Amino acid sequence: MLSFYSKTPGGFLIETGWGGRLIDRESWEPVELWCMSLWGHERSWETPDNQVKQRAQKERAATEGRLTPVETNEAGGFVTRGAAI
């Protein structure tokens, strides 16, 4: 998914995006996400301690081969190749 965050006048963040996955409710199974972001978000509004933790999570993901380039497919959606997510 390609997305961006905006800060609202009320002070909270809202994400706007395109290309999210379509979930088949019959076969979908939940998974636990152990990392805040696998795709390189830098959350500058977080505390310095949380920024250090999130950087360590991204380094772990890279070490485990969980990071992979994202490509567009013929239908205009996104695909990843070789991700172990």
PDB file of N, CA and C in Angstrom:
ATOM      1  N   MET A   1       0.841  -1.174   0.000  1.00  0.00           N
ATOM      2  CA  MET A   1       0.000   0.000   0.000  1.00  0.00           C
ATOM      3  C   MET A   1       0.887   1.238   0.000  1.00  0.00           C
ATOM      4  N   LEU A   2       0.559   2.185  -0.814  1.00  0.00           N
ATOM      5  CA  LEU A   2       1.217   3.474  -0.823  1.00  0.00           C
ATOM      6  C   LEU A   2       0.361   4.400   0.024  1.00  0.00           C
ATOM      7  N   SER A   3       0.970   5.015   1.038  1.00  0.00           N
ATOM      8  CA  SER A   3       0.168   5.857   1.916  1.00  0.00           C
ATOM      9  C   SER A   3       0.989   7.010   2.455  1.00  0.00           C
ATOM     10  N   PHE A   4       0.282   7.953   3.038  1.00  0.00           N
ATOM     11  CA  PHE A   4       0.944   9.067   3.716  1.00  0.00           C
ATOM     12  C   PHE A   4       0.111   9.448   4.925  1.00  0.00           C
ATOM     13  N   TYR A   5       0.759  10.083   5.869  1.00  0.00           N
ATOM     14  CA  TYR A   5       0.101  10.529   7.092  1.00  0.00           C
ATOM     15  C   TYR A   5      -0.049  12.042   7.060  1.00  0.00           C
ATOM     16  N   SER A   6      -1.156  12.510   7.596  1.00  0.00           N
ATOM     17  CA  SER A   6      -1.401  13.944   7.765  1.00  0.00           C
ATOM     18  C   SER A   6      -1.808  14.175   9.207  1.00  0.00           C
ATOM     19  N   LYS A   7      -1.407  15.311   9.735  1.00  0.00           N
ATOM     20  CA  LYS A   7      -1.823  15.679  11.086  1.00  0.00           C
ATOM     21  C   LYS A   7      -3.065  16.544  10.966  1.00  0.00           C
ATOM     22  N   THR A   8      -4.100  16.166  11.680  1.00  0.00           N
ATOM     23  CA  THR A   8      -5.358  16.894  11.615  1.00  0.00           C
ATOM     24  C   THR A   8      -5.291  18.141  12.495  1.00  0.00           C
ATOM     25  N   PRO A   9      -6.213  19.082  12.295  1.00  0.00           N
ATOM     26  CA  PRO A   9      -6.247  20.254  13.183  1.00  0.00           C
ATOM     27  C   PRO A   9      -6.434  19.859  14.652  1.00  0.00           C
ATOM     28  N   GLY A  10      -7.045  18.697  14.894  1.00  0.00           N
ATOM     29  CA  GLY A  10      -7.231  18.218  16.261  1.00  0.00           C
ATOM     30  C   GLY A  10      -5.979  17.600  16.861  1.00  0.00           C
ATOM     31  N   GLY A  11      -4.923  17.448  16.041  1.00  0.00           N
ATOM     32  CA  GLY A  11      -3.653  16.970  16.559  1.00  0.00           C
ATOM     33  C   GLY A  11      -3.393  15.489  16.408  1.00  0.00           C
ATOM     34  N   PHE A  12      -4.327  14.712  15.821  1.00  0.00           N
ATOM     35  CA  PHE A  12      -4.052  13.294  15.637  1.00  0.00           C
ATOM     36  C   PHE A  12      -3.695  13.024  14.179  1.00  0.00           C
ATOM     37  N   LEU A  13      -3.062  11.882  13.948  1.00  0.00           N
ATOM     38  CA  LEU A  13      -2.619  11.523  12.596  1.00  0.00           C
ATOM     39  C   LEU A  13      -3.682  10.689  11.904  1.00  0.00           C
ATOM     40  N   ILE A  14      -3.804  10.886  10.611  1.00  0.00           N
ATOM     41  CA  ILE A  14      -4.694  10.073   9.790  1.00  0.00           C
ATOM     42  C   ILE A  14      -3.887   9.592   8.588  1.00  0.00           C
ATOM     43  N   GLU A  15      -4.056   8.315   8.242  1.00  0.00           N
ATOM     44  CA  GLU A  15      -3.335   7.745   7.106  1.00  0.00           C
ATOM     45  C   GLU A  15      -4.269   7.656   5.908  1.00  0.00           C
ATOM     46  N   THR A  16      -3.794   8.119   4.770  1.00  0.00           N
ATOM     47  CA  THR A  16      -4.517   8.022   3.512  1.00  0.00           C
ATOM     48  C   THR A  16      -3.686   7.140   2.591  1.00  0.00           C
ATOM     49  N   GLY A  17      -4.332   6.176   1.936  1.00  0.00           N
ATOM     50  CA  GLY A  17      -3.537   5.267   1.125  1.00  0.00           C
ATOM     51  C   GLY A  17      -4.267   4.732  -0.082  1.00  0.00           C
ATOM     52  N   TRP A  18      -3.475   4.065  -0.945  1.00  0.00           N
ATOM     53  CA  TRP A  18      -3.973   3.434  -2.164  1.00  0.00           C
ATOM     54  C   TRP A  18      -3.276   2.093  -2.325  1.00  0.00           C
ATOM     55  N   GLY A  19      -4.006   1.102  -2.792  1.00  0.00           N
ATOM     56  CA  GLY A  19      -3.399  -0.184  -3.119  1.00  0.00           C
ATOM     57  C   GLY A  19      -3.361  -1.164  -1.968  1.00  0.00           C
ATOM     58  N   GLY A  20      -4.236  -0.991  -0.995  1.00  0.00           N
ATOM     59  CA  GLY A  20      -4.275  -1.932   0.123  1.00  0.00           C
ATOM     60  C   GLY A  20      -4.727  -3.311  -0.325  1.00  0.00           C
ATOM     61  N   ARG A  21      -4.426  -4.297   0.496  1.00  0.00           N
ATOM     62  CA  ARG A  21      -4.817  -5.667   0.163  1.00  0.00           C
ATOM     63  C   ARG A  21      -6.313  -5.876   0.342  1.00  0.00           C
ATOM     64  N   LEU A  22      -6.900  -6.645  -0.551  1.00  0.00           N
ATOM     65  CA  LEU A  22      -8.284  -7.069  -0.418  1.00  0.00           C
ATOM     66  C   LEU A  22      -8.280  -8.351   0.408  1.00  0.00           C
ATOM     67  N   ILE A  23      -9.017  -8.367   1.490  1.00  0.00           N
ATOM     68  CA  ILE A  23      -9.029  -9.509   2.396  1.00  0.00           C
ATOM     69  C   ILE A  23     -10.231 -10.396   2.096  1.00  0.00           C
ATOM     70  N   ASP A  24      -9.971 -11.680   1.877  1.00  0.00           N
ATOM     71  CA  ASP A  24     -11.027 -12.672   1.712  1.00  0.00           C
ATOM     72  C   ASP A  24     -11.469 -13.112   3.105  1.00  0.00           C
ATOM     73  N   ARG A  25     -12.633 -12.714   3.528  1.00  0.00           N
ATOM     74  CA  ARG A  25     -13.097 -12.992   4.894  1.00  0.00           C
ATOM     75  C   ARG A  25     -13.223 -14.488   5.186  1.00  0.00           C
ATOM     76  N   GLU A  26     -13.400 -15.302   4.158  1.00  0.00           N
ATOM     77  CA  GLU A  26     -13.553 -16.746   4.354  1.00  0.00           C
ATOM     78  C   GLU A  26     -12.223 -17.430   4.673  1.00  0.00           C
ATOM     79  N   SER A  27     -11.121 -16.932   4.124  1.00  0.00           N
ATOM     80  CA  SER A  27      -9.842 -17.620   4.293  1.00  0.00           C
ATOM     81  C   SER A  27      -8.815 -16.827   5.104  1.00  0.00           C
ATOM     82  N   TRP A  28      -9.130 -15.605   5.457  1.00  0.00           N
ATOM     83  CA  TRP A  28      -8.177 -14.756   6.166  1.00  0.00           C
ATOM     84  C   TRP A  28      -7.910 -15.275   7.573  1.00  0.00           C
ATOM     85  N   GLU A  29      -6.647 -15.268   7.957  1.00  0.00           N
ATOM     86  CA  GLU A  29      -6.264 -15.625   9.315  1.00  0.00           C
ATOM     87  C   GLU A  29      -5.415 -14.495   9.879  1.00  0.00           C
ATOM     88  N   PRO A  30      -5.703 -14.066  11.095  1.00  0.00           N
ATOM     89  CA  PRO A  30      -4.918 -12.974  11.675  1.00  0.00           C
ATOM     90  C   PRO A  30      -3.485 -13.406  11.958  1.00  0.00           C
ATOM     91  N   VAL A  31      -2.581 -12.447  11.921  1.00  0.00           N
ATOM     92  CA  VAL A  31      -1.180 -12.676  12.263  1.00  0.00           C
ATOM     93  C   VAL A  31      -0.739 -11.573  13.216  1.00  0.00           C
ATOM     94  N   GLU A  32       0.247 -11.887  14.025  1.00  0.00           N
ATOM     95  CA  GLU A  32       0.779 -10.897  14.955  1.00  0.00           C
ATOM     96  C   GLU A  32       1.879 -10.100  14.264  1.00  0.00           C
ATOM     97  N   LEU A  33       1.772  -8.789  14.303  1.00  0.00           N
ATOM     98  CA  LEU A  33       2.806  -7.918  13.766  1.00  0.00           C
ATOM     99  C   LEU A  33       3.745  -7.561  14.909  1.00  0.00           C
ATOM    100  N   TRP A  34       4.985  -7.910  14.777  1.00  0.00           N
ATOM    101  CA  TRP A  34       5.941  -7.691  15.854  1.00  0.00           C
ATOM    102  C   TRP A  34       6.775  -6.442  15.645  1.00  0.00           C
ATOM    103  N   CYS A  35       6.569  -5.767  14.554  1.00  0.00           N
ATOM    104  CA  CYS A  35       7.382  -4.601  14.219  1.00  0.00           C
ATOM    105  C   CYS A  35       6.452  -3.461  13.839  1.00  0.00           C
ATOM    106  N   MET A  36       6.716  -2.268  14.357  1.00  0.00           N
ATOM    107  CA  MET A  36       5.872  -1.113  14.047  1.00  0.00           C
ATOM    108  C   MET A  36       5.802  -0.842  12.553  1.00  0.00           C
ATOM    109  N   SER A  37       6.918  -0.965  11.857  1.00  0.00           N
ATOM    110  CA  SER A  37       6.937  -0.685  10.433  1.00  0.00           C
ATOM    111  C   SER A  37       8.050  -1.482   9.779  1.00  0.00           C
ATOM    112  N   LEU A  38       7.698  -2.256   8.777  1.00  0.00           N
ATOM    113  CA  LEU A  38       8.717  -2.965   8.022  1.00  0.00           C
ATOM    114  C   LEU A  38       9.197  -2.144   6.838  1.00  0.00           C
ATOM    115  N   TRP A  39       8.609  -1.010   6.600  1.00  0.00           N
ATOM    116  CA  TRP A  39       8.873  -0.297   5.353  1.00  0.00           C
ATOM    117  C   TRP A  39       9.577   1.037   5.549  1.00  0.00           C
ATOM    118  N   GLY A  40      10.175   1.265   6.698  1.00  0.00           N
ATOM    119  CA  GLY A  40      11.052   2.404   6.840  1.00  0.00           C
ATOM    120  C   GLY A  40      10.454   3.680   7.387  1.00  0.00           C
ATOM    121  N   HIS A  41       9.251   3.636   7.929  1.00  0.00           N
ATOM    122  CA  HIS A  41       8.696   4.846   8.523  1.00  0.00           C
ATOM    123  C   HIS A  41       9.593   5.325   9.661  1.00  0.00           C
ATOM    124  N   GLU A  42       9.879   6.592   9.686  1.00  0.00           N
ATOM    125  CA  GLU A  42      10.575   7.206  10.814  1.00  0.00           C
ATOM    126  C   GLU A  42       9.542   8.045  11.551  1.00  0.00           C
ATOM    127  N   ARG A  43       9.223   7.662  12.737  1.00  0.00           N
ATOM    128  CA  ARG A  43       8.199   8.374  13.512  1.00  0.00           C
ATOM    129  C   ARG A  43       8.867   9.437  14.388  1.00  0.00           C
ATOM    130  N   SER A  44       9.080  10.599  13.801  1.00  0.00           N
ATOM    131  CA  SER A  44       9.805  11.662  14.487  1.00  0.00           C
ATOM    132  C   SER A  44       9.053  12.201  15.702  1.00  0.00           C
ATOM    133  N   TRP A  45       7.753  11.963  15.781  1.00  0.00           N
ATOM    134  CA  TRP A  45       6.970  12.453  16.908  1.00  0.00           C
ATOM    135  C   TRP A  45       7.088  11.542  18.134  1.00  0.00           C
ATOM    136  N   GLU A  46       7.663  10.342  17.953  1.00  0.00           N
ATOM    137  CA  GLU A  46       7.826   9.411  19.074  1.00  0.00           C
ATOM    138  C   GLU A  46       8.915   9.889  20.033  1.00  0.00           C
ATOM    139  N   THR A  47       8.887   9.354  21.242  1.00  0.00           N
ATOM    140  CA  THR A  47       9.938   9.664  22.207  1.00  0.00           C
ATOM    141  C   THR A  47      11.257   9.080  21.708  1.00  0.00           C
ATOM    142  N   PRO A  48      12.378   9.625  22.138  1.00  0.00           N
ATOM    143  CA  PRO A  48      13.670   9.069  21.723  1.00  0.00           C
ATOM    144  C   PRO A  48      13.805   7.575  22.064  1.00  0.00           C
ATOM    145  N   ASP A  49      13.296   7.142  23.218  1.00  0.00           N
ATOM    146  CA  ASP A  49      13.357   5.718  23.582  1.00  0.00           C
ATOM    147  C   ASP A  49      12.586   4.854  22.592  1.00  0.00           C
ATOM    148  N   ASN A  50      11.388   5.292  22.206  1.00  0.00           N
ATOM    149  CA  ASN A  50      10.595   4.526  21.240  1.00  0.00           C
ATOM    150  C   ASN A  50      11.246   4.513  19.868  1.00  0.00           C
ATOM    151  N   GLN A  51      11.891   5.614  19.483  1.00  0.00           N
ATOM    152  CA  GLN A  51      12.584   5.646  18.199  1.00  0.00           C
ATOM    153  C   GLN A  51      13.719   4.624  18.175  1.00  0.00           C
ATOM    154  N   VAL A  52      14.446   4.496  19.283  1.00  0.00           N
ATOM    155  CA  VAL A  52      15.528   3.503  19.368  1.00  0.00           C
ATOM    156  C   VAL A  52      14.954   2.096  19.251  1.00  0.00           C
ATOM    157  N   LYS A  53      13.845   1.815  19.947  1.00  0.00           N
ATOM    158  CA  LYS A  53      13.205   0.486  19.886  1.00  0.00           C
ATOM    159  C   LYS A  53      12.738   0.167  18.464  1.00  0.00           C
ATOM    160  N   GLN A  54      12.138   1.151  17.802  1.00  0.00           N
ATOM    161  CA  GLN A  54      11.630   0.919  16.455  1.00  0.00           C
ATOM    162  C   GLN A  54      12.769   0.698  15.460  1.00  0.00           C
ATOM    163  N   ARG A  55      13.874   1.432  15.620  1.00  0.00           N
ATOM    164  CA  ARG A  55      15.036   1.209  14.761  1.00  0.00           C
ATOM    165  C   ARG A  55      15.577  -0.201  14.943  1.00  0.00           C
ATOM    166  N   ALA A  56      15.614  -0.671  16.198  1.00  0.00           N
ATOM    167  CA  ALA A  56      16.093  -2.034  16.474  1.00  0.00           C
ATOM    168  C   ALA A  56      15.169  -3.066  15.826  1.00  0.00           C
ATOM    169  N   GLN A  57      13.848  -2.830  15.844  1.00  0.00           N
ATOM    170  CA  GLN A  57      12.909  -3.740  15.193  1.00  0.00           C
ATOM    171  C   GLN A  57      13.165  -3.792  13.689  1.00  0.00           C
ATOM    172  N   LYS A  58      13.420  -2.640  13.075  1.00  0.00           N
ATOM    173  CA  LYS A  58      13.693  -2.618  11.632  1.00  0.00           C
ATOM    174  C   LYS A  58      15.000  -3.342  11.306  1.00  0.00           C
ATOM    175  N   GLU A  59      16.000  -3.171  12.156  1.00  0.00           N
ATOM    176  CA  GLU A  59      17.268  -3.880  11.945  1.00  0.00           C
ATOM    177  C   GLU A  59      17.064  -5.387  12.062  1.00  0.00           C
ATOM    178  N   ARG A  60      16.243  -5.806  13.025  1.00  0.00           N
ATOM    179  CA  ARG A  60      15.933  -7.235  13.176  1.00  0.00           C
ATOM    180  C   ARG A  60      15.217  -7.747  11.924  1.00  0.00           C
ATOM    181  N   ALA A  61      14.255  -6.985  11.434  1.00  0.00           N
ATOM    182  CA  ALA A  61      13.517  -7.390  10.228  1.00  0.00           C
ATOM    183  C   ALA A  61      14.473  -7.542   9.047  1.00  0.00           C
ATOM    184  N   ALA A  62      15.407  -6.607   8.911  1.00  0.00           N
ATOM    185  CA  ALA A  62      16.371  -6.688   7.806  1.00  0.00           C
ATOM    186  C   ALA A  62      17.263  -7.913   7.958  1.00  0.00           C
ATOM    187  N   THR A  63      17.727  -8.171   9.170  1.00  0.00           N
ATOM    188  CA  THR A  63      18.590  -9.323   9.432  1.00  0.00           C
ATOM    189  C   THR A  63      17.879 -10.633   9.116  1.00  0.00           C
ATOM    190  N   GLU A  64      16.578 -10.695   9.408  1.00  0.00           N
ATOM    191  CA  GLU A  64      15.791 -11.909   9.175  1.00  0.00           C
ATOM    192  C   GLU A  64      15.272 -12.012   7.743  1.00  0.00           C
ATOM    193  N   GLY A  65      15.620 -11.049   6.904  1.00  0.00           N
ATOM    194  CA  GLY A  65      15.182 -11.102   5.506  1.00  0.00           C
ATOM    195  C   GLY A  65      13.731 -10.752   5.303  1.00  0.00           C
ATOM    196  N   ARG A  66      13.147  -9.993   6.212  1.00  0.00           N
ATOM    197  CA  ARG A  66      11.732  -9.638   6.109  1.00  0.00           C
ATOM    198  C   ARG A  66      11.480  -8.383   5.284  1.00  0.00           C
ATOM    199  N   LEU A  67      12.522  -7.671   4.923  1.00  0.00           N
ATOM    200  CA  LEU A  67      12.359  -6.465   4.120  1.00  0.00           C
ATOM    201  C   LEU A  67      12.583  -6.814   2.655  1.00  0.00           C
ATOM    202  N   THR A  68      11.770  -6.286   1.799  1.00  0.00           N
ATOM    203  CA  THR A  68      11.881  -6.576   0.376  1.00  0.00           C
ATOM    204  C   THR A  68      11.342  -5.393  -0.413  1.00  0.00           C
ATOM    205  N   PRO A  69      11.866  -5.155  -1.601  1.00  0.00           N
ATOM    206  CA  PRO A  69      11.316  -4.065  -2.423  1.00  0.00           C
ATOM    207  C   PRO A  69       9.845  -4.328  -2.765  1.00  0.00           C
ATOM    208  N   VAL A  70       9.111  -3.271  -2.927  1.00  0.00           N
ATOM    209  CA  VAL A  70       7.706  -3.360  -3.314  1.00  0.00           C
ATOM    210  C   VAL A  70       7.595  -2.955  -4.772  1.00  0.00           C
ATOM    211  N   GLU A  71       6.828  -3.728  -5.548  1.00  0.00           N
ATOM    212  CA  GLU A  71       6.647  -3.452  -6.974  1.00  0.00           C
ATOM    213  C   GLU A  71       5.163  -3.349  -7.276  1.00  0.00           C
ATOM    214  N   THR A  72       4.830  -2.663  -8.348  1.00  0.00           N
ATOM    215  CA  THR A  72       3.442  -2.633  -8.801  1.00  0.00           C
ATOM    216  C   THR A  72       3.201  -3.802  -9.745  1.00  0.00           C
ATOM    217  N   ASN A  73       1.982  -4.313  -9.754  1.00  0.00           N
ATOM    218  CA  ASN A  73       1.638  -5.397 -10.675  1.00  0.00           C
ATOM    219  C   ASN A  73       0.795  -4.856 -11.829  1.00  0.00           C
ATOM    220  N   GLU A  74       0.422  -5.751 -12.739  1.00  0.00           N
ATOM    221  CA  GLU A  74      -0.325  -5.345 -13.930  1.00  0.00           C
ATOM    222  C   GLU A  74      -1.678  -4.742 -13.592  1.00  0.00           C
ATOM    223  N   ALA A  75      -2.253  -5.133 -12.463  1.00  0.00           N
ATOM    224  CA  ALA A  75      -3.575  -4.643 -12.080  1.00  0.00           C
ATOM    225  C   ALA A  75      -3.494  -3.313 -11.335  1.00  0.00           C
ATOM    226  N   GLY A  76      -2.272  -2.781 -11.154  1.00  0.00           N
ATOM    227  CA  GLY A  76      -2.123  -1.520 -10.449  1.00  0.00           C
ATOM    228  C   GLY A  76      -1.990  -1.667  -8.955  1.00  0.00           C
ATOM    229  N   GLY A  77      -1.904  -2.891  -8.465  1.00  0.00           N
ATOM    230  CA  GLY A  77      -1.708  -3.128  -7.037  1.00  0.00           C
ATOM    231  C   GLY A  77      -0.239  -3.272  -6.714  1.00  0.00           C
ATOM    232  N   PHE A  78       0.065  -3.668  -5.504  1.00  0.00           N
ATOM    233  CA  PHE A  78       1.437  -3.829  -5.064  1.00  0.00           C
ATOM    234  C   PHE A  78       1.730  -5.291  -4.781  1.00  0.00           C
ATOM    235  N   VAL A  79       2.957  -5.701  -5.063  1.00  0.00           N
ATOM    236  CA  VAL A  79       3.418  -7.051  -4.751  1.00  0.00           C
ATOM    237  C   VAL A  79       4.792  -6.949  -4.121  1.00  0.00           C
ATOM    238  N   THR A  80       5.129  -7.934  -3.307  1.00  0.00           N
ATOM    239  CA  THR A  80       6.481  -8.034  -2.765  1.00  0.00           C
ATOM    240  C   THR A  80       7.040  -9.377  -3.217  1.00  0.00           C
ATOM    241  N   ARG A  81       8.316  -9.431  -3.377  1.00  0.00           N
ATOM    242  CA  ARG A  81       8.965 -10.653  -3.831  1.00  0.00           C
ATOM    243  C   ARG A  81       9.944 -11.119  -2.761  1.00  0.00           C
ATOM    244  N   GLY A  82       9.716 -12.307  -2.243  1.00  0.00           N
ATOM    245  CA  GLY A  82      10.658 -12.894  -1.311  1.00  0.00           C
ATOM    246  C   GLY A  82      10.528 -12.470   0.133  1.00  0.00           C
ATOM    247  N   ALA A  83       9.486 -11.737   0.490  1.00  0.00           N
ATOM    248  CA  ALA A  83       9.333 -11.322   1.886  1.00  0.00           C
ATOM    249  C   ALA A  83       8.907 -12.508   2.739  1.00  0.00           C
ATOM    250  N   ALA A  84       9.450 -12.567   3.920  1.00  0.00           N
ATOM    251  CA  ALA A  84       9.101 -13.640   4.856  1.00  0.00           C
ATOM    252  C   ALA A  84       8.128 -13.149   5.913  1.00  0.00           C
ATOM    253  N   ILE A  85       7.234 -12.271   5.522  1.00  0.00           N
ATOM    254  CA  ILE A  85       6.302 -11.675   6.481  1.00  0.00           C
ATOM    255  C   ILE A  85       5.187 -12.645   6.808  1.00  0.00           C
TER     256      ILE A  85
END
